[in-house]
Amino acid sequence: MRGVKGALLLLGLTLLGLILWRVGPGAVVGALRPIGWGVPVLILAYLPVWILDTLGWKFAFPAGSPRVPLLRLLRIRLTGEVFNVLTPTLDLGGEAVKALLLTREGVPRVQALASVVVAKTSLAVAEVLFLLAGMGVATQVFALPASLQRGLGLTLLLGGVGVGSFLLLQRRGLFGWFARLSQRLGLARRFWREQAPAVAALDEALRAYYARPGRGALSAGFHLMGWLAGVAEIALILWFLDLPVTAASALALEAGHQLSRAAAFFIPAKLGAQEGGSLILFSALGFPAALGVAVSLLRRVRELAWVALGLLLLAGGGGGGLPLGELGQS
């Protein structure tokens, strides 16, 4: 497994290096020069996204779950996202960490797991809606190449089908089905036998949650506002770089950015893929290619700053009373 992770990391670094060589480091540095004191502002400007996504998670808890204060939930989310950013685990590695930290807050294991599953689902539903809006605007306002439009449309279609299928399977006992399949294939049979009561309880908790869609709609709504807050970030970046920006261009650029990141889920930190996607989209919208790479690198600086905060929280207990050493043993 470590070999696969190393290979994927090398792939991402190679792609990033090729992009920088092709565009030219000097051109990227030149595009970044006007940012000046705007970097710390951009880092802090991402705080609303964190808060909105944490609110989306707060409404993902099953009825009757112990209340976790919003600030504590935010700290747990920051800690878990470190693993989602730095590991090639389909952005799922941090979800197990979040559930584990929730149990340290007195949330029963089944309810903790159900909350992260629902939150991940509502985040994905909101992302599909956001991408539909963003790509719809992009195709109507900008003269995108037909090949790019077809590629974006196919990616969105596959993503929408995937998210819809995942939601439907949860309502029909996803984890029980997966446990039975694993046992038939001879995979971890003893584990699944021992965990059968917990798996059944998790499926029941998910069915009960989705039977009353009000909280699910609130969860998805807050996550959708979080995606829209990212549009403000790209608009702020372009403003600091002394470039013209409209609501339509900011929405299209942010949607394209998130689509490229989603497509590169298997690469740690989406290295190279994020920069490549940004380069293609900025060029398609008439901006210099170097600007696309520069904007992507600025967002990496912001991401690294928040990851560093998450690592500090993890080293100090992650906001959930779990020492780093104990997490490594879990």
C-alpha atoms as a PDB file:
ATOM      1  CA  MET A   1       0.000   0.000   0.000  1.00  0.00           C
ATOM      2  CA  ARG A   2       2.846   2.379   0.813  1.00  0.00           C
ATOM      3  CA  GLY A   3       4.278   1.676  -2.630  1.00  0.00           C
ATOM      4  CA  VAL A   4       1.004   2.688  -4.269  1.00  0.00           C
ATOM      5  CA  LYS A   5       0.832   5.890  -2.225  1.00  0.00           C
ATOM      6  CA  GLY A   6       4.442   6.689  -3.116  1.00  0.00           C
ATOM      7  CA  ALA A   7       3.786   6.091  -6.805  1.00  0.00           C
ATOM      8  CA  LEU A   8       0.708   8.319  -6.784  1.00  0.00           C
ATOM      9  CA  LEU A   9       2.610  11.054  -4.959  1.00  0.00           C
ATOM     10  CA  LEU A  10       5.431  10.799  -7.501  1.00  0.00           C
ATOM     11  CA  LEU A  11       2.862  10.999 -10.310  1.00  0.00           C
ATOM     12  CA  GLY A  12       1.404  14.174  -8.851  1.00  0.00           C
ATOM     13  CA  LEU A  13       4.802  15.794  -8.309  1.00  0.00           C
ATOM     14  CA  THR A  14       5.883  14.877 -11.848  1.00  0.00           C
ATOM     15  CA  LEU A  15       2.721  16.375 -13.322  1.00  0.00           C
ATOM     16  CA  LEU A  16       3.182  19.537 -11.258  1.00  0.00           C
ATOM     17  CA  GLY A  17       6.804  19.829 -12.372  1.00  0.00           C
ATOM     18  CA  LEU A  18       5.867  19.396 -16.035  1.00  0.00           C
ATOM     19  CA  ILE A  19       3.191  22.082 -15.759  1.00  0.00           C
ATOM     20  CA  LEU A  20       5.581  24.557 -14.134  1.00  0.00           C
ATOM     21  CA  TRP A  21       8.224  23.784 -16.782  1.00  0.00           C
ATOM     22  CA  ARG A  22       5.716  24.207 -19.600  1.00  0.00           C
ATOM     23  CA  VAL A  23       4.240  27.472 -18.342  1.00  0.00           C
ATOM     24  CA  GLY A  24       7.502  28.856 -17.012  1.00  0.00           C
ATOM     25  CA  PRO A  25       8.322  29.567 -13.345  1.00  0.00           C
ATOM     26  CA  GLY A  26       9.065  33.199 -14.185  1.00  0.00           C
ATOM     27  CA  ALA A  27       5.611  33.709 -15.656  1.00  0.00           C
ATOM     28  CA  VAL A  28       3.968  32.153 -12.585  1.00  0.00           C
ATOM     29  CA  VAL A  29       6.022  34.325 -10.209  1.00  0.00           C
ATOM     30  CA  GLY A  30       5.138  37.376 -12.278  1.00  0.00           C
ATOM     31  CA  ALA A  31       1.437  36.540 -12.043  1.00  0.00           C
ATOM     32  CA  LEU A  32       1.747  36.205  -8.263  1.00  0.00           C
ATOM     33  CA  ARG A  33       3.647  39.453  -7.709  1.00  0.00           C
ATOM     34  CA  PRO A  34       0.596  41.720  -7.185  1.00  0.00           C
ATOM     35  CA  ILE A  35      -0.782  39.560  -4.336  1.00  0.00           C
ATOM     36  CA  GLY A  36       1.465  41.134  -1.686  1.00  0.00           C
ATOM     37  CA  TRP A  37      -0.220  41.339   1.709  1.00  0.00           C
ATOM     38  CA  GLY A  38      -3.289  39.538   0.398  1.00  0.00           C
ATOM     39  CA  VAL A  39      -2.052  36.042   1.341  1.00  0.00           C
ATOM     40  CA  PRO A  40      -3.043  36.187   5.045  1.00  0.00           C
ATOM     41  CA  VAL A  41      -6.366  37.749   4.036  1.00  0.00           C
ATOM     42  CA  LEU A  42      -7.028  34.852   1.656  1.00  0.00           C
ATOM     43  CA  ILE A  43      -6.225  32.332   4.384  1.00  0.00           C
ATOM     44  CA  LEU A  44      -8.646  33.942   6.837  1.00  0.00           C
ATOM     45  CA  ALA A  45     -11.269  34.425   4.113  1.00  0.00           C
ATOM     46  CA  TYR A  46     -11.694  30.642   3.974  1.00  0.00           C
ATOM     47  CA  LEU A  47     -13.019  30.528   7.533  1.00  0.00           C
ATOM     48  CA  PRO A  48     -16.677  30.963   6.411  1.00  0.00           C
ATOM     49  CA  VAL A  49     -16.331  27.813   4.281  1.00  0.00           C
ATOM     50  CA  TRP A  50     -15.165  25.840   7.315  1.00  0.00           C
ATOM     51  CA  ILE A  51     -18.004  27.185   9.459  1.00  0.00           C
ATOM     52  CA  LEU A  52     -20.704  26.505   6.842  1.00  0.00           C
ATOM     53  CA  ASP A  53     -19.474  22.957   6.235  1.00  0.00           C
ATOM     54  CA  THR A  54     -19.364  22.354  10.000  1.00  0.00           C
ATOM     55  CA  LEU A  55     -22.980  23.529  10.234  1.00  0.00           C
ATOM     56  CA  GLY A  56     -23.785  21.084   7.438  1.00  0.00           C
ATOM     57  CA  TRP A  57     -22.241  18.334   9.553  1.00  0.00           C
ATOM     58  CA  LYS A  58     -24.105  19.470  12.666  1.00  0.00           C
ATOM     59  CA  PHE A  59     -27.439  18.810  10.927  1.00  0.00           C
ATOM     60  CA  ALA A  60     -26.221  15.385   9.760  1.00  0.00           C
ATOM     61  CA  PHE A  61     -26.487  13.807  13.201  1.00  0.00           C
ATOM     62  CA  PRO A  62     -29.351  11.344  13.780  1.00  0.00           C
ATOM     63  CA  ALA A  63     -32.166  12.480  16.053  1.00  0.00           C
ATOM     64  CA  GLY A  64     -31.339  12.008  19.713  1.00  0.00           C
ATOM     65  CA  SER A  65     -27.560  12.255  19.275  1.00  0.00           C
ATOM     66  CA  PRO A  66     -25.635  14.032  22.053  1.00  0.00           C
ATOM     67  CA  ARG A  67     -25.023  17.677  21.216  1.00  0.00           C
ATOM     68  CA  VAL A  68     -21.463  18.613  20.291  1.00  0.00           C
ATOM     69  CA  PRO A  69     -20.680  22.354  20.497  1.00  0.00           C
ATOM     70  CA  LEU A  70     -20.081  23.956  17.104  1.00  0.00           C
ATOM     71  CA  LEU A  71     -16.536  25.081  17.950  1.00  0.00           C
ATOM     72  CA  ARG A  72     -15.597  21.581  19.099  1.00  0.00           C
ATOM     73  CA  LEU A  73     -17.130  20.137  15.930  1.00  0.00           C
ATOM     74  CA  LEU A  74     -15.130  22.622  13.859  1.00  0.00           C
ATOM     75  CA  ARG A  75     -11.898  21.523  15.523  1.00  0.00           C
ATOM     76  CA  ILE A  76     -12.689  17.864  14.893  1.00  0.00           C
ATOM     77  CA  ARG A  77     -13.480  18.639  11.262  1.00  0.00           C
ATOM     78  CA  LEU A  78     -10.175  20.482  10.835  1.00  0.00           C
ATOM     79  CA  THR A  79      -8.318  17.506  12.275  1.00  0.00           C
ATOM     80  CA  GLY A  80     -10.070  14.968  10.075  1.00  0.00           C
ATOM     81  CA  GLU A  81      -9.583  16.984   6.910  1.00  0.00           C
ATOM     82  CA  VAL A  82      -5.812  16.705   7.375  1.00  0.00           C
ATOM     83  CA  PHE A  83      -6.139  13.019   6.452  1.00  0.00           C
ATOM     84  CA  ASN A  84      -8.497  13.740   3.564  1.00  0.00           C
ATOM     85  CA  VAL A  85      -6.033  16.219   2.077  1.00  0.00           C
ATOM     86  CA  LEU A  86      -2.802  14.295   2.590  1.00  0.00           C
ATOM     87  CA  THR A  87      -3.828  10.691   1.924  1.00  0.00           C
ATOM     88  CA  PRO A  88      -5.087   9.016  -1.294  1.00  0.00           C
ATOM     89  CA  THR A  89      -8.193   7.510   0.323  1.00  0.00           C
ATOM     90  CA  LEU A  90     -10.993   8.903  -1.877  1.00  0.00           C
ATOM     91  CA  ASP A  91     -11.238  11.756   0.658  1.00  0.00           C
ATOM     92  CA  LEU A  92     -12.524   9.180   3.169  1.00  0.00           C
ATOM     93  CA  GLY A  93      -9.554   8.636   5.471  1.00  0.00           C
ATOM     94  CA  GLY A  94     -10.409  11.645   7.576  1.00  0.00           C
ATOM     95  CA  GLU A  95     -14.024  10.519   8.043  1.00  0.00           C
ATOM     96  CA  ALA A  96     -12.935   7.593  10.216  1.00  0.00           C
ATOM     97  CA  VAL A  97     -10.816  10.002  12.252  1.00  0.00           C
ATOM     98  CA  LYS A  98     -13.798  12.322  12.729  1.00  0.00           C
ATOM     99  CA  ALA A  99     -15.999   9.457  13.897  1.00  0.00           C
ATOM    100  CA  LEU A 100     -13.320   8.293  16.319  1.00  0.00           C
ATOM    101  CA  LEU A 101     -12.918  11.790  17.758  1.00  0.00           C
ATOM    102  CA  LEU A 102     -16.687  12.111  18.124  1.00  0.00           C
ATOM    103  CA  THR A 103     -16.789   9.021  20.319  1.00  0.00           C
ATOM    104  CA  ARG A 104     -14.376  10.852  22.636  1.00  0.00           C
ATOM    105  CA  GLU A 105     -17.040  13.535  22.923  1.00  0.00           C
ATOM    106  CA  GLY A 106     -19.569  11.005  24.205  1.00  0.00           C
ATOM    107  CA  VAL A 107     -21.304  10.365  20.879  1.00  0.00           C
ATOM    108  CA  PRO A 108     -22.167   6.643  20.503  1.00  0.00           C
ATOM    109  CA  ARG A 109     -20.171   4.950  17.763  1.00  0.00           C
ATOM    110  CA  VAL A 110     -23.159   4.222  15.525  1.00  0.00           C
ATOM    111  CA  GLN A 111     -24.415   7.804  15.667  1.00  0.00           C
ATOM    112  CA  ALA A 112     -20.899   9.148  15.064  1.00  0.00           C
ATOM    113  CA  LEU A 113     -20.487   6.952  11.992  1.00  0.00           C
ATOM    114  CA  ALA A 114     -23.954   7.830  10.715  1.00  0.00           C
ATOM    115  CA  SER A 115     -23.188  11.548  11.020  1.00  0.00           C
ATOM    116  CA  VAL A 116     -20.021  11.361   8.926  1.00  0.00           C
ATOM    117  CA  VAL A 117     -21.742   9.200   6.285  1.00  0.00           C
ATOM    118  CA  VAL A 118     -24.692  11.597   6.031  1.00  0.00           C
ATOM    119  CA  ALA A 119     -22.434  14.670   6.030  1.00  0.00           C
ATOM    120  CA  LYS A 120     -20.273  13.205   3.266  1.00  0.00           C
ATOM    121  CA  THR A 121     -23.407  12.408   1.269  1.00  0.00           C
ATOM    122  CA  SER A 122     -24.994  15.844   1.690  1.00  0.00           C
ATOM    123  CA  LEU A 123     -21.655  17.478   0.846  1.00  0.00           C
ATOM    124  CA  ALA A 124     -21.550  15.454  -2.382  1.00  0.00           C
ATOM    125  CA  VAL A 125     -25.178  16.268  -3.227  1.00  0.00           C
ATOM    126  CA  ALA A 126     -24.457  19.963  -2.698  1.00  0.00           C
ATOM    127  CA  GLU A 127     -21.302  19.716  -4.819  1.00  0.00           C
ATOM    128  CA  VAL A 128     -23.198  18.180  -7.745  1.00  0.00           C
ATOM    129  CA  LEU A 129     -25.782  20.986  -7.567  1.00  0.00           C
ATOM    130  CA  PHE A 130     -23.023  23.579  -7.376  1.00  0.00           C
ATOM    131  CA  LEU A 131     -21.129  22.078 -10.320  1.00  0.00           C
ATOM    132  CA  LEU A 132     -24.313  21.949 -12.401  1.00  0.00           C
ATOM    133  CA  ALA A 133     -24.871  25.651 -11.767  1.00  0.00           C
ATOM    134  CA  GLY A 134     -21.244  26.547 -12.417  1.00  0.00           C
ATOM    135  CA  MET A 135     -20.888  24.551 -15.606  1.00  0.00           C
ATOM    136  CA  GLY A 136     -24.285  25.775 -16.809  1.00  0.00           C
ATOM    137  CA  VAL A 137     -23.113  29.363 -16.443  1.00  0.00           C
ATOM    138  CA  ALA A 138     -19.761  28.578 -18.058  1.00  0.00           C
ATOM    139  CA  THR A 139     -21.299  27.020 -21.158  1.00  0.00           C
ATOM    140  CA  GLN A 140     -23.819  29.845 -21.583  1.00  0.00           C
ATOM    141  CA  VAL A 141     -21.521  32.814 -20.946  1.00  0.00           C
ATOM    142  CA  PHE A 142     -18.165  31.639 -22.290  1.00  0.00           C
ATOM    143  CA  ALA A 143     -17.150  30.105 -25.617  1.00  0.00           C
ATOM    144  CA  LEU A 144     -15.839  26.812 -24.258  1.00  0.00           C
ATOM    145  CA  PRO A 145     -14.500  24.261 -26.773  1.00  0.00           C
ATOM    146  CA  ALA A 146     -17.060  21.567 -27.620  1.00  0.00           C
ATOM    147  CA  SER A 147     -14.669  18.825 -26.480  1.00  0.00           C
ATOM    148  CA  LEU A 148     -14.310  20.492 -23.073  1.00  0.00           C
ATOM    149  CA  GLN A 149     -18.090  20.862 -22.748  1.00  0.00           C
ATOM    150  CA  ARG A 150     -18.589  17.164 -23.522  1.00  0.00           C
ATOM    151  CA  GLY A 151     -15.934  16.158 -21.024  1.00  0.00           C
ATOM    152  CA  LEU A 152     -17.449  18.325 -18.298  1.00  0.00           C
ATOM    153  CA  GLY A 153     -20.934  17.038 -19.039  1.00  0.00           C
ATOM    154  CA  LEU A 154     -19.851  13.400 -18.893  1.00  0.00           C
ATOM    155  CA  THR A 155     -17.976  13.936 -15.637  1.00  0.00           C
ATOM    156  CA  LEU A 156     -21.000  15.620 -14.068  1.00  0.00           C
ATOM    157  CA  LEU A 157     -23.327  12.882 -15.278  1.00  0.00           C
ATOM    158  CA  LEU A 158     -21.148  10.154 -13.793  1.00  0.00           C
ATOM    159  CA  GLY A 159     -20.792  12.097 -10.548  1.00  0.00           C
ATOM    160  CA  GLY A 160     -24.527  12.657 -10.254  1.00  0.00           C
ATOM    161  CA  VAL A 161     -25.307   8.991 -10.912  1.00  0.00           C
ATOM    162  CA  GLY A 162     -22.702   7.955  -8.359  1.00  0.00           C
ATOM    163  CA  VAL A 163     -24.011  10.266  -5.628  1.00  0.00           C
ATOM    164  CA  GLY A 164     -27.635   9.291  -6.329  1.00  0.00           C
ATOM    165  CA  SER A 165     -26.768   5.589  -6.193  1.00  0.00           C
ATOM    166  CA  PHE A 166     -24.883   6.041  -2.934  1.00  0.00           C
ATOM    167  CA  LEU A 167     -27.865   7.797  -1.371  1.00  0.00           C
ATOM    168  CA  LEU A 168     -30.303   5.133  -2.594  1.00  0.00           C
ATOM    169  CA  LEU A 169     -28.120   2.298  -1.296  1.00  0.00           C
ATOM    170  CA  GLN A 170     -27.971   3.909   2.144  1.00  0.00           C
ATOM    171  CA  ARG A 171     -31.749   3.854   2.309  1.00  0.00           C
ATOM    172  CA  ARG A 172     -31.685   0.132   1.461  1.00  0.00           C
ATOM    173  CA  GLY A 173     -29.056  -1.050   3.941  1.00  0.00           C
ATOM    174  CA  LEU A 174     -25.734  -0.293   2.260  1.00  0.00           C
ATOM    175  CA  PHE A 175     -23.435  -1.455   5.035  1.00  0.00           C
ATOM    176  CA  GLY A 176     -25.301  -4.692   5.724  1.00  0.00           C
ATOM    177  CA  TRP A 177     -25.131  -5.489   2.008  1.00  0.00           C
ATOM    178  CA  PHE A 178     -21.405  -4.723   1.969  1.00  0.00           C
ATOM    179  CA  ALA A 179     -20.826  -6.919   5.029  1.00  0.00           C
ATOM    180  CA  ARG A 180     -22.660  -9.857   3.440  1.00  0.00           C
ATOM    181  CA  LEU A 181     -20.753  -9.427   0.191  1.00  0.00           C
ATOM    182  CA  SER A 182     -17.427  -9.338   2.028  1.00  0.00           C
ATOM    183  CA  GLN A 183     -18.263 -12.531   3.900  1.00  0.00           C
ATOM    184  CA  ARG A 184     -19.252 -14.313   0.667  1.00  0.00           C
ATOM    185  CA  LEU A 185     -15.909 -13.311  -0.801  1.00  0.00           C
ATOM    186  CA  GLY A 186     -14.106 -14.549   2.299  1.00  0.00           C
ATOM    187  CA  LEU A 187     -12.934 -11.072   3.337  1.00  0.00           C
ATOM    188  CA  ALA A 188     -12.642 -10.411   7.086  1.00  0.00           C
ATOM    189  CA  ARG A 189     -15.437 -12.839   7.911  1.00  0.00           C
ATOM    190  CA  ARG A 190     -14.737 -12.827  11.639  1.00  0.00           C
ATOM    191  CA  PHE A 191     -14.730  -9.023  11.749  1.00  0.00           C
ATOM    192  CA  TRP A 192     -18.084  -8.751   9.983  1.00  0.00           C
ATOM    193  CA  ARG A 193     -19.654 -11.434  12.208  1.00  0.00           C
ATOM    194  CA  GLU A 194     -18.523  -9.576  15.321  1.00  0.00           C
ATOM    195  CA  GLN A 195     -19.704  -6.233  13.974  1.00  0.00           C
ATOM    196  CA  ALA A 196     -23.069  -7.485  12.676  1.00  0.00           C
ATOM    197  CA  PRO A 197     -25.134  -5.745  15.427  1.00  0.00           C
ATOM    198  CA  ALA A 198     -23.318  -2.445  14.880  1.00  0.00           C
ATOM    199  CA  VAL A 199     -23.709  -2.691  11.102  1.00  0.00           C
ATOM    200  CA  ALA A 200     -27.437  -3.344  11.439  1.00  0.00           C
ATOM    201  CA  ALA A 201     -27.761  -0.410  13.849  1.00  0.00           C
ATOM    202  CA  LEU A 202     -25.889   1.873  11.440  1.00  0.00           C
ATOM    203  CA  ASP A 203     -28.149   0.945   8.526  1.00  0.00           C
ATOM    204  CA  GLU A 204     -31.218   1.528  10.699  1.00  0.00           C
ATOM    205  CA  ALA A 205     -29.900   4.916  11.856  1.00  0.00           C
ATOM    206  CA  LEU A 206     -29.372   5.972   8.229  1.00  0.00           C
ATOM    207  CA  ARG A 207     -32.831   4.795   7.164  1.00  0.00           C
ATOM    208  CA  ALA A 208     -34.418   6.667  10.063  1.00  0.00           C
ATOM    209  CA  TYR A 209     -32.483   9.836   9.205  1.00  0.00           C
ATOM    210  CA  TYR A 210     -33.469   9.833   5.534  1.00  0.00           C
ATOM    211  CA  ALA A 211     -37.096   9.036   6.394  1.00  0.00           C
ATOM    212  CA  ARG A 212     -37.355  12.605   7.710  1.00  0.00           C
ATOM    213  CA  PRO A 213     -35.636  14.726   5.024  1.00  0.00           C
ATOM    214  CA  GLY A 214     -35.856  18.073   6.788  1.00  0.00           C
ATOM    215  CA  ARG A 215     -32.479  17.835   8.532  1.00  0.00           C
ATOM    216  CA  GLY A 216     -30.921  16.383   5.388  1.00  0.00           C
ATOM    217  CA  ALA A 217     -32.079  19.393   3.391  1.00  0.00           C
ATOM    218  CA  LEU A 218     -30.576  21.733   5.998  1.00  0.00           C
ATOM    219  CA  SER A 219     -27.311  19.803   5.922  1.00  0.00           C
ATOM    220  CA  ALA A 220     -27.102  19.945   2.126  1.00  0.00           C
ATOM    221  CA  GLY A 221     -28.130  23.608   2.181  1.00  0.00           C
ATOM    222  CA  PHE A 222     -25.294  24.634   4.482  1.00  0.00           C
ATOM    223  CA  HIS A 223     -22.841  22.630   2.401  1.00  0.00           C
ATOM    224  CA  LEU A 224     -24.121  24.320  -0.748  1.00  0.00           C
ATOM    225  CA  MET A 225     -23.521  27.706   0.878  1.00  0.00           C
ATOM    226  CA  GLY A 226     -20.018  26.469   1.665  1.00  0.00           C
ATOM    227  CA  TRP A 227     -19.395  25.704  -2.011  1.00  0.00           C
ATOM    228  CA  LEU A 228     -20.740  29.152  -2.934  1.00  0.00           C
ATOM    229  CA  ALA A 229     -18.413  30.760  -0.378  1.00  0.00           C
ATOM    230  CA  GLY A 230     -15.564  29.304  -2.424  1.00  0.00           C
ATOM    231  CA  VAL A 231     -16.715  31.512  -5.300  1.00  0.00           C
ATOM    232  CA  ALA A 232     -16.017  34.534  -3.106  1.00  0.00           C
ATOM    233  CA  GLU A 233     -12.489  33.211  -2.532  1.00  0.00           C
ATOM    234  CA  ILE A 234     -11.651  32.998  -6.247  1.00  0.00           C
ATOM    235  CA  ALA A 235     -13.169  36.452  -6.794  1.00  0.00           C
ATOM    236  CA  LEU A 236     -11.005  37.829  -3.960  1.00  0.00           C
ATOM    237  CA  ILE A 237      -7.879  36.218  -5.443  1.00  0.00           C
ATOM    238  CA  LEU A 238      -8.532  37.771  -8.854  1.00  0.00           C
ATOM    239  CA  TRP A 239      -9.210  41.136  -7.210  1.00  0.00           C
ATOM    240  CA  PHE A 240      -5.870  41.007  -5.378  1.00  0.00           C
ATOM    241  CA  LEU A 241      -4.170  40.120  -8.671  1.00  0.00           C
ATOM    242  CA  ASP A 242      -5.682  43.259 -10.276  1.00  0.00           C
ATOM    243  CA  LEU A 243      -7.750  41.246 -12.741  1.00  0.00           C
ATOM    244  CA  PRO A 244     -11.330  41.857 -13.877  1.00  0.00           C
ATOM    245  CA  VAL A 245     -13.802  39.448 -12.344  1.00  0.00           C
ATOM    246  CA  THR A 246     -17.539  38.934 -12.669  1.00  0.00           C
ATOM    247  CA  ALA A 247     -19.863  36.705 -10.681  1.00  0.00           C
ATOM    248  CA  ALA A 248     -20.210  34.442 -13.744  1.00  0.00           C
ATOM    249  CA  SER A 249     -16.468  34.025 -14.270  1.00  0.00           C
ATOM    250  CA  ALA A 250     -15.841  33.434 -10.549  1.00  0.00           C
ATOM    251  CA  LEU A 251     -18.585  30.791 -10.421  1.00  0.00           C
ATOM    252  CA  ALA A 252     -17.295  29.047 -13.561  1.00  0.00           C
ATOM    253  CA  LEU A 253     -13.701  29.064 -12.338  1.00  0.00           C
ATOM    254  CA  GLU A 254     -14.602  27.733  -8.908  1.00  0.00           C
ATOM    255  CA  ALA A 255     -16.789  24.983 -10.372  1.00  0.00           C
ATOM    256  CA  GLY A 256     -14.014  23.954 -12.736  1.00  0.00           C
ATOM    257  CA  HIS A 257     -11.503  23.967  -9.897  1.00  0.00           C
ATOM    258  CA  GLN A 258     -13.650  21.680  -7.759  1.00  0.00           C
ATOM    259  CA  LEU A 259     -14.383  19.389 -10.707  1.00  0.00           C
ATOM    260  CA  SER A 260     -10.671  18.895 -11.385  1.00  0.00           C
ATOM    261  CA  ARG A 261     -10.062  18.143  -7.718  1.00  0.00           C
ATOM    262  CA  ALA A 262     -12.888  15.621  -7.629  1.00  0.00           C
ATOM    263  CA  ALA A 263     -11.514  13.847 -10.703  1.00  0.00           C
ATOM    264  CA  ALA A 264      -8.090  13.532  -9.034  1.00  0.00           C
ATOM    265  CA  PHE A 265      -9.374  11.955  -5.785  1.00  0.00           C
ATOM    266  CA  PHE A 266      -6.711   9.218  -5.959  1.00  0.00           C
ATOM    267  CA  ILE A 267      -3.703  11.608  -5.954  1.00  0.00           C
ATOM    268  CA  PRO A 268      -2.465  12.896  -2.561  1.00  0.00           C
ATOM    269  CA  ALA A 269      -3.394  16.578  -2.203  1.00  0.00           C
ATOM    270  CA  LYS A 270      -4.478  16.452  -5.899  1.00  0.00           C
ATOM    271  CA  LEU A 271      -0.920  17.467  -6.801  1.00  0.00           C
ATOM    272  CA  GLY A 272      -0.539  18.439 -10.420  1.00  0.00           C
ATOM    273  CA  ALA A 273      -4.135  17.618 -11.317  1.00  0.00           C
ATOM    274  CA  GLN A 274      -5.441  20.741  -9.575  1.00  0.00           C
ATOM    275  CA  GLU A 275      -2.893  22.914 -11.371  1.00  0.00           C
ATOM    276  CA  GLY A 276      -3.598  21.244 -14.712  1.00  0.00           C
ATOM    277  CA  GLY A 277      -7.339  21.717 -14.357  1.00  0.00           C
ATOM    278  CA  SER A 278      -6.889  25.348 -13.364  1.00  0.00           C
ATOM    279  CA  LEU A 279      -4.578  25.959 -16.319  1.00  0.00           C
ATOM    280  CA  ILE A 280      -7.054  24.473 -18.800  1.00  0.00           C
ATOM    281  CA  LEU A 281     -10.058  26.346 -17.425  1.00  0.00           C
ATOM    282  CA  PHE A 282      -8.333  29.740 -17.124  1.00  0.00           C
ATOM    283  CA  SER A 283      -7.049  29.381 -20.689  1.00  0.00           C
ATOM    284  CA  ALA A 284     -10.520  28.421 -21.920  1.00  0.00           C
ATOM    285  CA  LEU A 285     -11.950  31.569 -20.317  1.00  0.00           C
ATOM    286  CA  GLY A 286      -9.351  33.787 -21.947  1.00  0.00           C
ATOM    287  CA  PHE A 287      -6.936  34.239 -19.023  1.00  0.00           C
ATOM    288  CA  PRO A 288      -3.175  33.602 -19.315  1.00  0.00           C
ATOM    289  CA  ALA A 289      -2.156  29.992 -18.569  1.00  0.00           C
ATOM    290  CA  ALA A 290       0.382  31.170 -15.974  1.00  0.00           C
ATOM    291  CA  LEU A 291      -2.429  32.877 -14.074  1.00  0.00           C
ATOM    292  CA  GLY A 292      -4.310  29.599 -13.732  1.00  0.00           C
ATOM    293  CA  VAL A 293      -1.251  27.923 -12.212  1.00  0.00           C
ATOM    294  CA  ALA A 294      -0.575  30.922  -9.966  1.00  0.00           C
ATOM    295  CA  VAL A 295      -4.135  30.910  -8.592  1.00  0.00           C
ATOM    296  CA  SER A 296      -3.917  27.178  -7.929  1.00  0.00           C
ATOM    297  CA  LEU A 297      -0.651  27.636  -6.019  1.00  0.00           C
ATOM    298  CA  LEU A 298      -2.207  30.434  -3.955  1.00  0.00           C
ATOM    299  CA  ARG A 299      -5.016  28.081  -2.978  1.00  0.00           C
ATOM    300  CA  ARG A 300      -2.408  25.500  -2.011  1.00  0.00           C
ATOM    301  CA  VAL A 301      -0.832  28.021   0.348  1.00  0.00           C
ATOM    302  CA  ARG A 302      -4.245  28.567   1.943  1.00  0.00           C
ATOM    303  CA  GLU A 303      -4.849  24.824   2.119  1.00  0.00           C
ATOM    304  CA  LEU A 304      -1.440  24.189   3.709  1.00  0.00           C
ATOM    305  CA  ALA A 305      -2.077  26.875   6.306  1.00  0.00           C
ATOM    306  CA  TRP A 306      -5.330  25.206   7.408  1.00  0.00           C
ATOM    307  CA  VAL A 307      -3.713  21.757   7.249  1.00  0.00           C
ATOM    308  CA  ALA A 308      -0.965  23.046   9.525  1.00  0.00           C
ATOM    309  CA  LEU A 309      -3.622  24.187  11.992  1.00  0.00           C
ATOM    310  CA  GLY A 310      -5.258  20.764  11.775  1.00  0.00           C
ATOM    311  CA  LEU A 311      -1.915  19.081  12.475  1.00  0.00           C
ATOM    312  CA  LEU A 312      -1.406  21.293  15.519  1.00  0.00           C
ATOM    313  CA  LEU A 313      -4.853  20.329  16.799  1.00  0.00           C
ATOM    314  CA  LEU A 314      -4.092  16.670  16.118  1.00  0.00           C
ATOM    315  CA  ALA A 315      -0.796  16.849  17.987  1.00  0.00           C
ATOM    316  CA  GLY A 316      -2.592  18.452  20.913  1.00  0.00           C
ATOM    317  CA  GLY A 317      -5.499  16.018  20.929  1.00  0.00           C
ATOM    318  CA  GLY A 318      -7.464  17.101  17.853  1.00  0.00           C
ATOM    319  CA  GLY A 319     -10.029  18.889  19.919  1.00  0.00           C
ATOM    320  CA  GLY A 320     -11.453  15.529  20.824  1.00  0.00           C
ATOM    321  CA  GLY A 321      -9.255  14.350  23.629  1.00  0.00           C
ATOM    322  CA  LEU A 322      -7.340  11.883  21.451  1.00  0.00           C
ATOM    323  CA  PRO A 323      -3.532  12.049  21.603  1.00  0.00           C
ATOM    324  CA  LEU A 324      -1.672  11.637  18.300  1.00  0.00           C
ATOM    325  CA  GLY A 325       0.032   8.468  19.479  1.00  0.00           C
ATOM    326  CA  GLU A 326      -3.276   6.861  20.391  1.00  0.00           C
ATOM    327  CA  LEU A 327      -4.708   7.760  16.983  1.00  0.00           C
ATOM    328  CA  GLY A 328      -1.850   5.972  15.305  1.00  0.00           C
ATOM    329  CA  GLN A 329      -2.622   2.829  17.323  1.00  0.00           C
ATOM    330  CA  SER A 330      -6.385   2.897  16.595  1.00  0.00           C
END
